[in-house]
Amino acid sequence: MSLTSPSPIEAANEQALQGIFAALPYLIAIQPAHEVLPQAGEYVVLHAGPPVTWEAMCGPMRGALLGAVQYEGWAADLEAAQALVEAGRISLQPCHSVQAVGPMAGLITPSMPLLVVENRAQGNRAYCTLNEGLGATGRTMPACWNACAGCSTWLPRPCTRRYSALAVSICACSWPRHY
């Protein structure tokens, strides 16, 4: 490393940092993944991190994958979800390959609502699931998920956690009244 000229890695890091500082992010929509990501088709699960197989996944990601398969209605229970995954019926793709992020062991399936964020400085868009925060969440409390009778959207039942106005506003039919 030289004091007079940056290394290629330092130069690349500086360029990336300048891009972050120059960004003008705007939340422009909340939409189901299949409406904004053509790759989010049936039996496709986008996952955090680099390409990975079921066998190489960590425990939390495996659990999230089984819950996501059940969430989509592709399997009736966790055992059926695991059989589907082990049979190779679920296509796994990295979120980053489609300009999306899956925080931690996060996954994206076709019907999951995504934040659509546009960087108005560069014109690019990125996608992310809603953050459920700390404590009991839909991904850790699968027994607390229930279908909204008004629009058939899967949402966590209010008995298990507090909700922000953003999370409640996902469902256009005012789903809390159903409980």
Foldseek 3Di string as FASTA:
>chain_A
DDPVDDDPVVVVVVVVVVVVVLWDKDFDDKAFQVVPFVVQDPLEKAWADQDDALVPDDPLLVLLQLLVCVLVVVAVHSVRSVVCRVVVSHHYHYQVVRQEHAPDGGMHHRGAIWGWMAGVSVGDIHIYGDDPDDDDDCSNCVVQWDAQPVPRRIDGQPVGDDDDPVRQVPDVVSRNVVD
